[in-house]
């Protein structure tokens, strides 16, 4: 067929194909477009996507078009070895699991045993605690029973002690009243004549035994029985006793050596391993008194300066010039009357410090020689003791009057072994200066000895000094009981060693002491 014949046919077919869609569309009715909702728009979009997927299907994956080549099958022998290896591994895992289970079981057993042990310990502890509580309850019950028993016993003892104390105080007050009555009767001419006669007889007996001399320094030295010495020079008189004589009564024979400076140092061994060191100079003056404890502690009780001249010449140099004392406490608290004071009153007076402040400490010589310095300390006045005329003897019935003072001094020295108490002796104005000076010093020593012997007061903590009729409490030349007295005062705060008694002071015995 020629090309010219074919071309019309082709063109006709193409035209029919192009016209067909339009003709089909023309057959459809014309519908006016309406507004679509968002839901209708979404459904239409999904419908178009489905039609598009149907008209244009996706190509298959390369795996489907090109399948992977299969691995060659392993030989049967290799498969058997692999199976055996897996079986061996499974067996090892099983054995490991069994071993772990066994270990866990052992650990669990050990933990259970430990728990059981702890529970047993807790049970034992609880039981022990219960037993202790029971024991404590029994002990508390017994203690309560003993306490009640002791309370009843103490109540009975306290009541008995109170009754005895009241009876003792009554006896003491009766004795004081008797002594005052006796003292009042002494003022009659007849009693005064009797007293003077007896006193003169006793003074004469002592005076007949005195030895008087003048030493190399020019002072008058009067020696009396009992190693008591009265020194006179330039109108001053002073009495002192050899320190070693007092302590031989309580410490036995001492070991005495001469120090390098010429002083004599005596060491007394006291009960309980204590030692007492007493140093005196060539004039018999005490230079130092030291109390040594078994553990080596040394309490320097007092110290004095060394002198190149006699003590009587130096008395004027020892006097400390101070204004008269001024105090702001009631007079009965400044000078406590031992005849009426309670133990608390005595304790308060002796424990108190100076009524006026002092800027430094002083030597014992300065304290003994200076009235205004001593007056800085409160005192206990004992005027109820009735010494026989011209005598320093203290009878047993008189010693009871010292009981309260002794108890306070003993307690204070127990608390502080470095305390120092001065016992002063005073007389009235009847008699000569020398006789009264000697008598007052012997009476002060007698009181100190009674405190030590009957009431266990350490004698080394006591210093005695007689002043005769120099410091009359009542200014009269007549017999006066209130002037015949013993005064007790604590002088520790006045001493230069009072602030530091736990020390060696100025060194060992034989040193020159303070300058």
Protein backbone atom coordinates (compact mmCIF):
# COMPACT_ATOMS: atom_id res chain seq x y z
CA UNK A 1 0.00 0.00 0.00
CA UNK A 2 1.36 3.32 -0.91
CA UNK A 3 2.02 6.12 1.51
CA UNK A 4 -0.58 8.30 -0.04
CA UNK A 5 -3.28 5.73 0.60
CA UNK A 6 -2.27 5.15 4.19
CA UNK A 7 -1.94 8.77 5.41
CA UNK A 8 -5.66 9.55 5.28
CA UNK A 9 -6.42 6.58 7.44
CA UNK A 10 -3.87 7.59 10.02
CA UNK A 11 -5.06 11.09 10.22
CA UNK A 12 -8.64 9.93 10.64
CA UNK A 13 -7.70 7.72 13.56
CA UNK A 14 -5.82 10.47 15.25
CA UNK A 15 -8.69 12.85 14.92
CA UNK A 16 -11.15 10.37 16.38
CA UNK A 17 -8.98 9.83 19.39
CA UNK A 18 -8.63 13.56 20.01
CA UNK A 19 -12.32 14.28 19.70
CA UNK A 20 -13.58 11.41 21.85
CA UNK A 21 -12.75 12.88 25.28
CA UNK A 22 -14.43 16.12 24.42
CA UNK A 23 -17.47 14.41 23.18
CA UNK A 24 -17.73 12.38 26.36
CA UNK A 25 -17.30 15.47 28.44
CA UNK A 26 -19.95 17.21 26.50
CA UNK A 27 -22.37 14.46 27.34
CA UNK A 28 -21.92 15.04 31.13
CA UNK A 29 -24.26 17.52 32.71
CA UNK A 30 -22.84 20.81 33.83
CA UNK A 31 -22.74 21.10 37.61
CA UNK A 32 -22.06 24.36 39.33
CA UNK A 33 -18.97 24.31 41.65
CA UNK A 34 -19.79 24.38 45.32
CA UNK A 35 -17.49 25.34 48.24
CA UNK A 36 -15.82 22.26 49.85
CA UNK A 37 -15.32 21.75 53.61
CA UNK A 38 -11.79 20.88 55.01
CA UNK A 39 -12.92 17.27 55.52
CA UNK A 40 -14.09 16.98 51.92
CA UNK A 41 -10.83 18.47 50.73
CA UNK A 42 -8.84 15.89 52.74
CA UNK A 43 -10.92 12.98 51.35
CA UNK A 44 -10.47 14.26 47.80
CA UNK A 45 -6.69 14.54 48.34
CA UNK A 46 -6.49 10.96 49.58
CA UNK A 47 -8.60 9.74 46.62
CA UNK A 48 -6.32 11.45 44.13
CA UNK A 49 -3.25 9.92 45.79
CA UNK A 50 -4.81 6.43 45.49
CA UNK A 51 -5.58 6.96 41.79
CA UNK A 52 -2.08 8.22 41.24
CA UNK A 53 -0.55 5.14 42.91
CA UNK A 54 -2.79 2.87 40.78
CA UNK A 55 -1.82 4.63 37.58
CA UNK A 56 1.87 4.83 38.46
CA UNK A 57 2.89 1.76 40.48
CA UNK A 58 6.35 1.85 42.30
CA UNK A 59 9.15 -0.30 40.85
CA UNK A 60 10.09 -3.38 42.87
CA UNK A 61 13.18 -3.31 45.06
CA UNK A 62 16.47 -4.37 43.71
CA UNK A 63 16.42 -7.37 46.04
CA UNK A 64 13.24 -8.66 44.40
CA UNK A 65 14.63 -8.06 40.97
CA UNK A 66 18.08 -9.38 41.95
CA UNK A 67 17.86 -12.06 44.71
CA UNK A 68 21.10 -12.69 46.74
CA UNK A 69 23.02 -15.80 45.93
CA UNK A 70 22.59 -18.66 48.47
CA UNK A 71 25.60 -19.73 50.63
CA UNK A 72 27.04 -23.09 49.91
CA UNK A 73 25.82 -25.74 52.39
CA UNK A 74 28.40 -26.73 55.10
CA UNK A 75 29.77 -30.28 55.16
CA UNK A 76 28.17 -32.73 57.63
CA UNK A 77 31.43 -33.16 59.64
CA UNK A 78 31.64 -29.41 60.37
CA UNK A 79 28.05 -29.40 61.48
CA UNK A 80 28.76 -32.18 63.98
CA UNK A 81 31.78 -30.33 65.43
CA UNK A 82 29.69 -27.20 65.76
CA UNK A 83 26.96 -29.10 67.54
CA UNK A 84 29.49 -30.68 69.91
CA UNK A 85 31.03 -27.25 70.65
CA UNK A 86 27.61 -25.81 71.45
CA UNK A 87 26.87 -28.82 73.65
CA UNK A 88 30.20 -28.37 75.50
CA UNK A 89 29.52 -24.69 76.06
CA UNK A 90 26.06 -25.45 77.33
CA UNK A 91 27.55 -28.04 79.73
CA UNK A 92 30.12 -25.54 81.01
CA UNK A 93 27.44 -22.90 81.51
CA UNK A 94 25.35 -25.45 83.38
CA UNK A 95 28.29 -26.41 85.59
CA UNK A 96 29.15 -22.74 86.25
CA UNK A 97 25.55 -22.08 87.14
CA UNK A 98 25.53 -25.08 89.47
CA UNK A 99 28.81 -23.91 91.12
CA UNK A 100 27.44 -20.39 91.58
CA UNK A 101 24.27 -21.82 93.07
CA UNK A 102 26.40 -23.91 95.44
CA UNK A 103 28.43 -20.82 96.44
CA UNK A 104 25.26 -18.79 96.94
CA UNK A 105 23.87 -21.56 99.10
CA UNK A 106 27.09 -21.66 101.18
CA UNK A 107 27.04 -17.89 101.58
CA UNK A 108 23.39 -17.98 102.56
CA UNK A 109 24.17 -20.67 105.12
CA UNK A 110 27.05 -18.58 106.53
CA UNK A 111 24.85 -15.47 106.67
CA UNK A 112 22.15 -17.44 108.44
CA UNK A 113 24.74 -18.73 110.92
CA UNK A 114 26.02 -15.19 111.51
CA UNK A 115 22.47 -13.94 111.99
CA UNK A 116 21.86 -16.73 114.46
CA UNK A 117 25.07 -15.86 116.29
CA UNK A 118 24.12 -12.17 116.45
CA UNK A 119 20.66 -13.07 117.66
CA UNK A 120 22.23 -15.26 120.34
CA UNK A 121 24.56 -12.41 121.36
CA UNK A 122 21.64 -10.02 121.45
CA UNK A 123 19.74 -12.48 123.60
CA UNK A 124 22.73 -12.88 125.94
CA UNK A 125 23.20 -9.09 126.11
CA UNK A 126 19.53 -8.59 126.83
CA UNK A 127 19.68 -11.24 129.51
CA UNK A 128 22.82 -9.71 131.00
CA UNK A 129 21.24 -6.25 130.93
CA UNK A 130 18.18 -7.64 132.63
CA UNK A 131 20.38 -9.24 135.29
CA UNK A 132 22.29 -6.00 135.79
CA UNK A 133 19.07 -4.04 136.06
CA UNK A 134 17.80 -6.51 138.59
CA UNK A 135 21.09 -6.33 140.48
CA UNK A 136 21.02 -2.53 140.38
CA UNK A 137 17.45 -2.48 141.59
CA UNK A 138 18.40 -4.75 144.48
CA UNK A 139 21.42 -2.57 145.30
CA UNK A 140 19.30 0.58 145.14
CA UNK A 141 16.80 -1.02 147.42
CA UNK A 142 19.55 -2.03 149.83
CA UNK A 143 21.10 1.45 149.61
CA UNK A 144 17.72 3.04 150.25
CA UNK A 145 17.27 0.75 153.23
CA UNK A 146 20.75 1.61 154.54
CA UNK A 147 20.11 5.29 153.92
CA UNK A 148 16.91 5.16 155.90
CA UNK A 149 18.68 3.26 158.63
CA UNK A 150 21.58 5.73 158.63
CA UNK A 151 19.15 8.64 158.56
CA UNK A 152 17.48 7.36 161.69
CA UNK A 153 20.85 6.74 163.33
CA UNK A 154 22.14 10.16 162.30
CA UNK A 155 18.96 11.76 163.48
CA UNK A 156 19.47 10.17 166.87
CA UNK A 157 23.19 11.06 166.84
CA UNK A 158 22.48 14.58 165.65
CA UNK A 159 19.93 15.04 168.36
CA UNK A 160 22.37 13.67 170.92
CA UNK A 161 25.17 15.88 169.56
CA UNK A 162 22.88 18.88 169.61
CA UNK A 163 21.96 18.17 173.21
CA UNK A 164 25.62 17.77 174.15
CA UNK A 165 26.52 20.95 172.27
CA UNK A 166 23.81 22.88 174.05
CA UNK A 167 24.98 21.54 177.39
CA UNK A 168 28.57 22.35 176.45
CA UNK A 169 27.63 25.90 175.44
CA UNK A 170 25.71 26.32 178.69
CA UNK A 171 28.74 25.18 180.70
CA UNK A 172 30.92 27.51 178.67
CA UNK A 173 28.65 30.48 179.29
CA UNK A 174 28.51 29.66 183.01
CA UNK A 175 32.31 29.53 183.08
CA UNK A 176 32.55 32.86 181.28
CA UNK A 177 30.07 34.41 183.69
CA UNK A 178 32.07 33.04 186.61
CA UNK A 179 35.31 34.46 185.25
CA UNK A 180 33.69 37.86 184.77
CA UNK A 181 32.36 37.73 188.31
CA UNK A 182 35.81 36.83 189.58
CA UNK A 183 37.35 39.65 187.58
CA UNK A 184 34.84 42.12 189.00
CA UNK A 185 35.64 40.96 192.52
CA UNK A 186 39.34 41.64 191.89
CA UNK A 187 38.64 45.36 191.86
CA UNK A 188 37.98 45.43 195.60
CA UNK A 189 40.94 46.60 197.70
CA UNK A 190 41.21 43.29 199.52
CA UNK A 191 41.22 41.25 196.30
CA UNK A 192 43.72 43.61 194.69
CA UNK A 193 46.09 43.22 197.64
CA UNK A 194 45.85 39.46 197.43
CA UNK A 195 46.46 39.51 193.70
CA UNK A 196 49.45 41.81 193.96
CA UNK A 197 50.99 39.70 196.72
CA UNK A 198 50.65 36.46 194.77
CA UNK A 199 51.76 38.07 191.53
CA UNK A 200 54.79 39.67 193.12
CA UNK A 201 55.78 36.36 194.66
CA UNK A 202 55.69 34.67 191.28
CA UNK A 203 57.42 37.53 189.52
CA UNK A 204 60.12 37.47 192.18
CA UNK A 205 60.60 33.74 191.65
CA UNK A 206 61.13 34.33 187.95
CA UNK A 207 63.25 37.44 188.43
CA UNK A 208 65.58 35.54 190.76
CA UNK A 209 66.39 33.18 187.89
CA UNK A 210 67.03 35.90 185.32
CA UNK A 211 70.48 36.48 183.96
CA UNK A 212 71.20 39.98 182.74
CA UNK A 213 74.12 41.03 180.55
CA UNK A 214 75.14 43.42 177.80
CA UNK A 215 76.17 41.88 174.48
CA UNK A 216 78.80 43.05 172.00
CA UNK A 217 76.30 45.32 170.24
CA UNK A 218 75.47 47.17 173.46
CA UNK A 219 71.93 45.89 174.01
CA UNK A 220 70.79 44.61 177.41
CA UNK A 221 70.02 40.91 177.30
CA UNK A 222 67.80 39.38 180.00
CA UNK A 223 67.58 35.59 179.87
CA UNK A 224 64.77 33.77 181.67
CA UNK A 225 64.09 30.10 182.30
CA UNK A 226 62.71 28.33 179.25
CA UNK A 227 65.07 30.05 176.78
CA UNK A 228 63.02 33.25 176.80
CA UNK A 229 65.06 36.40 176.18
CA UNK A 230 64.16 40.05 176.73
CA UNK A 231 66.18 42.60 174.76
CA UNK A 232 66.45 46.27 175.77
CA UNK A 233 68.02 49.19 173.94
CA UNK A 234 67.16 52.83 173.28
CA UNK A 235 64.00 52.63 175.38
CA UNK A 236 62.62 49.65 173.45
CA UNK A 237 62.02 46.20 174.90
CA UNK A 238 61.32 43.08 172.93
CA UNK A 239 60.88 39.46 174.01
CA UNK A 240 61.42 36.33 171.95
CA UNK A 241 61.83 32.60 172.53
CA UNK A 242 64.25 30.22 170.88
CA UNK A 243 62.24 28.64 168.02
CA UNK A 244 63.80 25.24 168.48
CA UNK A 245 62.60 25.01 172.10
CA UNK A 246 58.93 25.22 171.07
CA UNK A 247 59.23 22.49 168.45
CA UNK A 248 61.23 20.05 170.56
CA UNK A 249 58.01 19.50 172.49
CA UNK A 250 56.26 18.33 169.32
CA UNK A 251 58.94 17.12 166.91
CA UNK A 252 61.60 15.54 169.12
CA UNK A 253 65.30 16.25 168.80
CA UNK A 254 66.18 18.04 165.55
CA UNK A 255 69.15 17.71 163.26
CA UNK A 256 70.94 21.03 163.64
CA UNK A 257 73.69 22.36 161.38
CA UNK A 258 75.46 25.68 161.04
CA UNK A 259 74.86 27.34 157.68
CA UNK A 260 77.50 29.18 155.69
CA UNK A 261 76.20 32.54 156.95
CA UNK A 262 76.58 31.44 160.58
CA UNK A 263 72.87 30.83 161.20
CA UNK A 264 71.72 27.64 162.89
CA UNK A 265 69.31 25.50 160.86
CA UNK A 266 67.30 22.82 162.68
CA UNK A 267 65.24 20.19 160.85
CA UNK A 268 62.40 18.45 162.72
CA UNK A 269 60.74 15.30 161.42
CA UNK A 270 56.99 15.54 161.91
CA UNK A 271 54.36 12.77 161.80
CA UNK A 272 53.42 11.65 158.30
CA UNK A 273 56.84 12.28 156.76
CA UNK A 274 56.64 16.07 157.02
CA UNK A 275 59.68 18.15 157.86
CA UNK A 276 59.97 21.52 159.58
CA UNK A 277 63.04 23.68 158.94
CA UNK A 278 63.74 26.44 161.48
CA UNK A 279 66.57 28.93 160.96
CA UNK A 280 67.73 31.40 163.64
CA UNK A 281 70.53 33.96 163.57
CA UNK A 282 73.32 34.54 166.06
CA UNK A 283 71.01 36.66 168.24
CA UNK A 284 68.41 33.87 168.45
CA UNK A 285 65.98 35.66 166.10
CA UNK A 286 63.91 33.48 163.76
CA UNK A 287 65.00 34.06 160.17
CA UNK A 288 62.93 31.50 158.31
CA UNK A 289 60.39 28.76 158.99
CA UNK A 290 59.65 26.27 156.20
CA UNK A 291 57.22 23.36 156.10
CA UNK A 292 58.33 20.58 153.72
CA UNK A 293 55.86 17.98 152.46
CA UNK A 294 56.77 14.36 151.63
CA UNK A 295 56.28 15.10 147.91
CA UNK A 296 58.87 17.90 148.03
CA UNK A 297 56.55 20.91 148.22
CA UNK A 298 57.92 23.67 150.46
CA UNK A 299 55.72 26.19 152.27
CA UNK A 300 57.73 29.22 153.37
CA UNK A 301 55.73 30.30 156.41
CA UNK A 302 57.71 33.47 157.06
CA UNK A 303 61.10 35.12 156.54
CA UNK A 304 63.06 37.88 158.26
CA UNK A 305 65.96 40.06 157.26
CA UNK A 306 69.42 39.35 158.60
CA UNK A 307 70.72 41.96 161.08
CA UNK A 308 74.20 43.22 161.71
CA UNK A 309 73.20 44.68 165.10
CA UNK A 310 71.14 43.48 168.03
CA UNK A 311 67.41 43.06 167.69
CA UNK A 312 66.64 45.67 170.33
CA UNK A 313 68.48 48.34 168.35
CA UNK A 314 66.61 47.34 165.19
CA UNK A 315 63.12 47.44 166.70
CA UNK A 316 62.70 51.08 165.74
CA UNK A 317 63.75 50.28 162.18
CA UNK A 318 61.16 47.49 161.98
CA UNK A 319 58.21 49.75 162.78
CA UNK A 320 56.17 50.48 159.65
CA UNK A 321 54.68 53.96 159.64
CA UNK A 322 51.02 53.72 158.64
CA UNK A 323 48.03 55.94 159.45
CA UNK A 324 45.51 54.62 161.97
CA UNK A 325 43.29 51.95 160.53
CA UNK A 326 39.85 52.82 159.18
CA UNK A 327 37.21 50.13 158.71
CA UNK A 328 33.62 50.16 157.48
CA UNK A 329 32.33 47.10 159.31
CA UNK A 330 30.60 46.89 162.69
CA UNK A 331 33.07 46.94 165.62
CA UNK A 332 31.88 43.53 166.84
CA UNK A 333 32.94 42.08 163.47
CA UNK A 334 36.30 43.85 163.49
CA UNK A 335 37.16 42.62 167.00
CA UNK A 336 35.21 39.44 167.64
CA UNK A 337 34.57 38.47 171.26
CA UNK A 338 35.28 34.75 171.51
CA UNK A 339 33.07 34.47 174.57
CA UNK A 340 29.92 35.21 172.56
CA UNK A 341 30.80 34.57 168.91
CA UNK A 342 29.70 31.52 166.96
CA UNK A 343 32.09 29.41 164.92
CA UNK A 344 30.85 31.14 161.76
CA UNK A 345 31.67 34.54 163.28
CA UNK A 346 35.20 33.41 164.15
CA UNK A 347 35.68 31.86 160.70
CA UNK A 348 34.52 35.04 158.95
CA UNK A 349 36.93 37.20 160.96
CA UNK A 350 39.99 34.98 160.46
CA UNK A 351 39.28 34.28 156.80
CA UNK A 352 38.84 37.95 155.88
CA UNK A 353 41.59 39.95 154.18
CA UNK A 354 42.97 43.31 155.31
CA UNK A 355 40.34 45.93 156.09
CA UNK A 356 42.47 48.37 154.07
CA UNK A 357 44.52 47.44 150.98
CA UNK A 358 48.31 47.08 151.27
CA UNK A 359 50.70 47.67 148.38
CA UNK A 360 53.22 44.97 149.39
CA UNK A 361 54.04 42.30 151.93
CA UNK A 362 56.17 42.64 155.06
CA UNK A 363 58.65 40.62 157.08
CA UNK A 364 57.61 38.95 160.32
CA UNK A 365 59.73 41.44 162.33
CA UNK A 366 57.87 44.36 160.74
CA UNK A 367 54.49 42.79 161.52
CA UNK A 368 55.39 42.03 165.13
CA UNK A 369 56.80 45.54 165.69
CA UNK A 370 54.08 47.58 163.91
CA UNK A 371 50.79 48.03 165.74
CA UNK A 372 49.01 49.88 162.90
CA UNK A 373 50.07 47.19 160.43
CA UNK A 374 48.64 44.40 162.59
CA UNK A 375 45.44 46.38 163.00
CA UNK A 376 44.78 45.95 159.25
CA UNK A 377 43.64 42.42 160.08
CA UNK A 378 40.49 41.53 162.00
CA UNK A 379 41.07 39.70 165.29
CA UNK A 380 39.54 37.34 167.86
CA UNK A 381 39.65 38.70 171.41
CA UNK A 382 39.83 36.04 174.15
CA UNK A 383 39.48 37.77 177.51
CA UNK A 384 37.44 35.07 179.22
CA UNK A 385 40.50 32.96 180.09
CA UNK A 386 41.30 33.36 183.75
CA UNK A 387 45.03 32.91 184.36
CA UNK A 388 46.13 32.72 187.95
CA UNK A 389 47.81 35.85 189.25
CA UNK A 390 51.29 36.15 187.76
CA UNK A 391 50.96 32.74 186.12
CA UNK A 392 50.82 31.51 182.53
CA UNK A 393 49.34 28.14 183.45
CA UNK A 394 46.13 27.31 181.63
CA UNK A 395 43.94 24.79 183.42
CA UNK A 396 41.84 22.12 181.65
CA UNK A 397 38.63 23.94 182.53
CA UNK A 398 39.97 27.02 180.70
CA UNK A 399 41.01 25.14 177.56
CA UNK A 400 37.38 24.65 176.56
CA UNK A 401 37.21 28.38 175.89
CA UNK A 402 39.62 27.87 172.97
CA UNK A 403 37.62 25.11 171.33
CA UNK A 404 35.85 27.28 168.71
CA UNK A 405 39.00 29.17 167.72
CA UNK A 406 40.95 25.91 167.51
CA UNK A 407 38.39 24.31 165.18
CA UNK A 408 38.56 27.26 162.76
CA UNK A 409 42.38 27.43 162.71
CA UNK A 410 42.66 23.67 162.21
CA UNK A 411 40.23 23.76 159.28
CA UNK A 412 42.01 26.68 157.62
CA UNK A 413 45.47 25.10 157.95
CA UNK A 414 44.10 21.86 156.50
CA UNK A 415 42.94 23.79 153.45
CA UNK A 416 46.11 25.89 153.17
CA UNK A 417 49.20 24.57 155.01
CA UNK A 418 50.86 27.96 154.50
CA UNK A 419 48.51 29.90 156.78
CA UNK A 420 50.16 31.76 159.67
CA UNK A 421 48.32 32.91 162.80
CA UNK A 422 49.68 35.31 165.40
CA UNK A 423 48.85 34.66 169.08
CA UNK A 424 49.31 37.91 171.01
CA UNK A 425 49.59 38.12 174.80
CA UNK A 426 48.49 41.26 176.66
CA UNK A 427 48.34 42.23 180.34
CA UNK A 428 46.82 45.06 182.32
CA UNK A 429 48.87 47.93 183.70
CA UNK A 430 49.53 46.42 187.15
CA UNK A 431 53.25 45.53 187.51
CA UNK A 432 56.53 46.48 185.85
CA UNK A 433 57.14 46.63 182.11
CA UNK A 434 59.60 43.73 182.08
CA UNK A 435 57.44 41.50 184.29
CA UNK A 436 54.34 42.12 182.18
CA UNK A 437 56.25 41.65 178.92
CA UNK A 438 57.53 38.28 180.11
CA UNK A 439 54.15 37.25 181.53
CA UNK A 440 52.21 38.16 178.36
CA UNK A 441 54.66 36.24 176.17
CA UNK A 442 54.44 33.13 178.35
CA UNK A 443 50.66 33.29 178.28
CA UNK A 444 50.62 33.58 174.47
CA UNK A 445 52.91 30.53 174.26
CA UNK A 446 50.67 28.64 176.70
CA UNK A 447 47.62 29.25 174.50
CA UNK A 448 49.53 28.13 171.38
CA UNK A 449 50.68 24.96 173.16
CA UNK A 450 47.11 24.12 174.21
CA UNK A 451 45.88 24.65 170.63
CA UNK A 452 48.56 22.25 169.40
CA UNK A 453 48.42 19.62 172.14
CA UNK A 454 44.70 19.40 172.85
CA UNK A 455 43.16 20.48 169.52
CA UNK A 456 45.78 19.23 166.99
CA UNK A 457 46.49 22.65 165.48
CA UNK A 458 49.90 22.54 163.69
CA UNK A 459 52.29 24.36 166.01
CA UNK A 460 54.43 25.51 163.09
CA UNK A 461 51.52 27.59 161.78
CA UNK A 462 51.40 29.60 165.00
CA UNK A 463 53.57 32.58 165.94
CA UNK A 464 53.48 33.96 169.50
CA UNK A 465 54.41 37.38 170.80
CA UNK A 466 53.94 39.08 174.15
CA UNK A 467 53.32 42.83 174.34
CA UNK A 468 52.85 43.28 178.10
CA UNK A 469 50.91 46.44 178.91
CA UNK A 470 51.87 48.36 175.76
CA UNK A 471 48.46 48.15 174.06
CA UNK A 472 45.73 48.47 176.66
CA UNK A 473 42.22 47.88 175.38
CA UNK A 474 40.84 49.89 178.30
CA UNK A 475 43.15 52.80 179.26
CA UNK A 476 43.48 52.41 183.04
CA UNK A 477 46.22 51.68 185.55
CA UNK A 478 43.78 49.65 187.64
CA UNK A 479 43.25 45.89 187.29
CA UNK A 480 41.08 45.33 184.23
CA UNK A 481 40.02 41.91 182.98
CA UNK A 482 39.50 43.14 179.39
CA UNK A 483 43.16 44.17 179.22
CA UNK A 484 44.34 40.73 180.34
CA UNK A 485 43.62 39.02 177.07
CA UNK A 486 44.91 36.85 174.26
CA UNK A 487 44.34 38.04 170.69
CA UNK A 488 44.36 35.76 167.65
CA UNK A 489 44.67 37.12 164.12
CA UNK A 490 45.64 35.69 160.73
CA UNK A 491 48.72 37.43 159.34
CA UNK A 492 49.19 35.45 156.12
CA UNK A 493 48.00 38.36 153.90
CA UNK A 494 50.53 40.68 155.58
CA UNK A 495 53.56 38.45 155.02
CA UNK A 496 55.72 38.89 151.96
CA UNK A 497 55.51 35.12 151.39
CA UNK A 498 51.72 35.15 151.73
CA UNK A 499 51.16 35.43 147.97
CA UNK A 500 53.50 32.58 147.01
CA UNK A 501 53.92 29.92 149.65
CA UNK A 502 54.40 27.11 147.11
CA UNK A 503 58.01 28.05 146.60
CA UNK A 504 61.48 27.84 147.94
CA UNK A 505 61.34 31.45 149.04
CA UNK A 506 64.87 32.83 148.85
CA UNK A 507 66.42 29.40 148.48
CA UNK A 508 67.48 26.81 150.96
CA UNK A 509 68.20 27.31 154.66
CA UNK A 510 71.14 29.55 155.33
CA UNK A 511 70.44 32.03 152.53
CA UNK A 512 70.48 35.71 153.42
CA UNK A 513 66.73 36.11 152.91
CA UNK A 514 65.04 39.31 151.80
CA UNK A 515 67.05 42.50 151.65
